[in-house]
C-alpha atoms as a PDB file:
ATOM      1  CA  MET A   1     136.674 161.119  64.002  1.00  0.00           C
ATOM      2  CA  GLU A   2     138.731 164.302  64.358  1.00  0.00           C
ATOM      3  CA  ILE A   3     142.409 163.980  65.183  1.00  0.00           C
ATOM      4  CA  VAL A   4     143.811 166.805  67.248  1.00  0.00           C
ATOM      5  CA  VAL A   5     147.546 167.363  66.948  1.00  0.00           C
ATOM      6  CA  LYS A   6     148.944 169.293  69.859  1.00  0.00           C
ATOM      7  CA  LYS A   7     151.911 171.460  68.965  1.00  0.00           C
ATOM      8  CA  GLN A   8     154.860 170.929  71.258  1.00  0.00           C
ATOM      9  CA  SER A   9     156.090 174.070  73.023  1.00  0.00           C
ATOM     10  CA  LEU A  10     159.457 175.486  72.064  1.00  0.00           C
ATOM     11  CA  ARG A  11     160.742 174.877  75.585  1.00  0.00           C
ATOM     12  CA  LYS A  12     159.745 171.222  75.278  1.00  0.00           C
ATOM     13  CA  GLN A  13     161.467 170.969  71.893  1.00  0.00           C
ATOM     14  CA  LEU A  14     164.665 172.389  73.417  1.00  0.00           C
ATOM     15  CA  GLU A  15     164.442 170.273  76.562  1.00  0.00           C
ATOM     16  CA  ASP A  16     167.658 168.355  75.842  1.00  0.00           C
ATOM     17  CA  ILE A  17     169.816 171.494  75.642  1.00  0.00           C
ATOM     18  CA  ILE A  18     167.877 174.160  77.537  1.00  0.00           C
ATOM     19  CA  VAL A  19     170.112 174.220  80.625  1.00  0.00           C
ATOM     20  CA  ASP A  20     173.355 173.941  78.646  1.00  0.00           C
ATOM     21  CA  ILE A  21     173.041 177.129  76.623  1.00  0.00           C
ATOM     22  CA  SER A  22     173.209 180.762  77.636  1.00  0.00           C
ATOM     23  CA  TRP A  23     169.973 182.021  76.091  1.00  0.00           C
ATOM     24  CA  ALA A  24     170.914 185.545  77.173  1.00  0.00           C
ATOM     25  CA  LYS A  25     174.005 185.308  74.939  1.00  0.00           C
ATOM     26  CA  ILE A  26     171.913 183.944  72.050  1.00  0.00           C
ATOM     27  CA  ALA A  27     169.475 186.868  72.428  1.00  0.00           C
ATOM     28  CA  LYS A  28     172.302 189.410  72.440  1.00  0.00           C
ATOM     29  CA  ARG A  29     174.553 187.889  69.781  1.00  0.00           C
ATOM     30  CA  TYR A  30     172.012 186.792  67.189  1.00  0.00           C
ATOM     31  CA  PHE A  31     169.031 189.072  67.814  1.00  0.00           C
ATOM     32  CA  GLU A  32     170.507 192.115  69.615  1.00  0.00           C
ATOM     33  CA  LYS A  33     167.744 191.700  72.194  1.00  0.00           C
ATOM     34  CA  SER A  34     167.565 191.347  75.965  1.00  0.00           C
ATOM     35  CA  PRO A  35     167.587 188.045  77.829  1.00  0.00           C
ATOM     36  CA  SER A  36     163.974 188.589  78.916  1.00  0.00           C
ATOM     37  CA  TRP A  37     162.961 188.960  75.253  1.00  0.00           C
ATOM     38  CA  ILE A  38     164.151 185.467  74.332  1.00  0.00           C
ATOM     39  CA  TYR A  39     162.753 183.875  77.497  1.00  0.00           C
ATOM     40  CA  HIS A  40     159.343 185.419  76.781  1.00  0.00           C
ATOM     41  CA  LYS A  41     159.511 184.246  73.166  1.00  0.00           C
ATOM     42  CA  MET A  42     160.407 180.718  74.255  1.00  0.00           C
ATOM     43  CA  ASP A  43     157.474 180.756  76.682  1.00  0.00           C
ATOM     44  CA  GLY A  44     155.148 181.926  73.897  1.00  0.00           C
ATOM     45  CA  ILE A  45     154.322 185.283  75.458  1.00  0.00           C
ATOM     46  CA  ASP A  46     155.229 188.886  74.814  1.00  0.00           C
ATOM     47  CA  GLY A  47     156.525 191.378  77.355  1.00  0.00           C
ATOM     48  CA  ASN A  48     152.966 192.160  78.470  1.00  0.00           C
ATOM     49  CA  GLY A  49     152.017 188.537  79.086  1.00  0.00           C
ATOM     50  CA  ASN A  50     149.954 188.214  75.909  1.00  0.00           C
ATOM     51  CA  VAL A  51     150.125 185.054  73.807  1.00  0.00           C
ATOM     52  CA  SER A  52     152.912 185.517  71.295  1.00  0.00           C
ATOM     53  CA  GLY A  53     156.073 183.774  70.267  1.00  0.00           C
ATOM     54  CA  PHE A  54     158.604 183.793  67.488  1.00  0.00           C
ATOM     55  CA  THR A  55     157.510 185.055  64.111  1.00  0.00           C
ATOM     56  CA  THR A  56     158.288 182.840  61.134  1.00  0.00           C
ATOM     57  CA  GLU A  57     161.311 185.030  60.367  1.00  0.00           C
ATOM     58  CA  GLU A  58     162.512 184.901  63.987  1.00  0.00           C
ATOM     59  CA  LYS A  59     162.147 181.106  64.007  1.00  0.00           C
ATOM     60  CA  GLN A  60     164.410 180.885  60.967  1.00  0.00           C
ATOM     61  CA  GLN A  61     166.896 183.263  62.600  1.00  0.00           C
ATOM     62  CA  PHE A  62     166.737 181.198  65.817  1.00  0.00           C
ATOM     63  CA  LYS A  63     167.326 178.010  63.862  1.00  0.00           C
ATOM     64  CA  GLY A  64     170.322 179.633  62.142  1.00  0.00           C
ATOM     65  CA  ALA A  65     171.687 180.729  65.514  1.00  0.00           C
ATOM     66  CA  LEU A  66     171.520 177.156  66.834  1.00  0.00           C
ATOM     67  CA  TYR A  67     173.202 175.814  63.687  1.00  0.00           C
ATOM     68  CA  ASP A  68     175.924 178.460  63.991  1.00  0.00           C
ATOM     69  CA  LEU A  69     176.470 177.652  67.658  1.00  0.00           C
ATOM     70  CA  SER A  70     176.652 173.931  66.922  1.00  0.00           C
ATOM     71  CA  GLU A  71     179.227 174.563  64.198  1.00  0.00           C
ATOM     72  CA  ARG A  72     181.310 176.717  66.552  1.00  0.00           C
ATOM     73  CA  ILE A  73     181.182 173.980  69.187  1.00  0.00           C
ATOM     74  CA  ARG A  74     182.208 171.341  66.619  1.00  0.00           C
ATOM     75  CA  LYS A  75     185.159 173.472  65.452  1.00  0.00           C
ATOM     76  CA  SER A  76     186.282 173.964  69.030  1.00  0.00           C
ATOM     77  CA  ALA A  77     186.076 170.226  69.683  1.00  0.00           C
ATOM     78  CA  ASP A  78     188.027 169.482  66.495  1.00  0.00           C
ATOM     79  CA  ALA A  79     190.763 171.880  67.596  1.00  0.00           C
ATOM     80  CA  LEU A  80     191.462 169.863  70.750  1.00  0.00           C
END
C-alpha cells in the first residue's frame, strides 16, 4: 500500500497570520521585491502563471524574516 503525503500550501501554513501581516512590507523590507512577487511566491506561481514558489534559499530568508518580525513585535510588547 502506497501512502501519499500531500504537501500543505504555504498559504495554508500561514493561515493563522495571513491577514495580520503586510506581505507587501515583508517583500520590500526583506527581499527588496514587489508585493506581487511575494503573493505569487506564496501561491506557488511565478509572474507568468507557471508553477513555481520559493527556492530553498528564499524559504530560509522568508523564515528569517518571520522570526525577525516576531522578535520586533515581542520587543514592542515588552516596551509597553
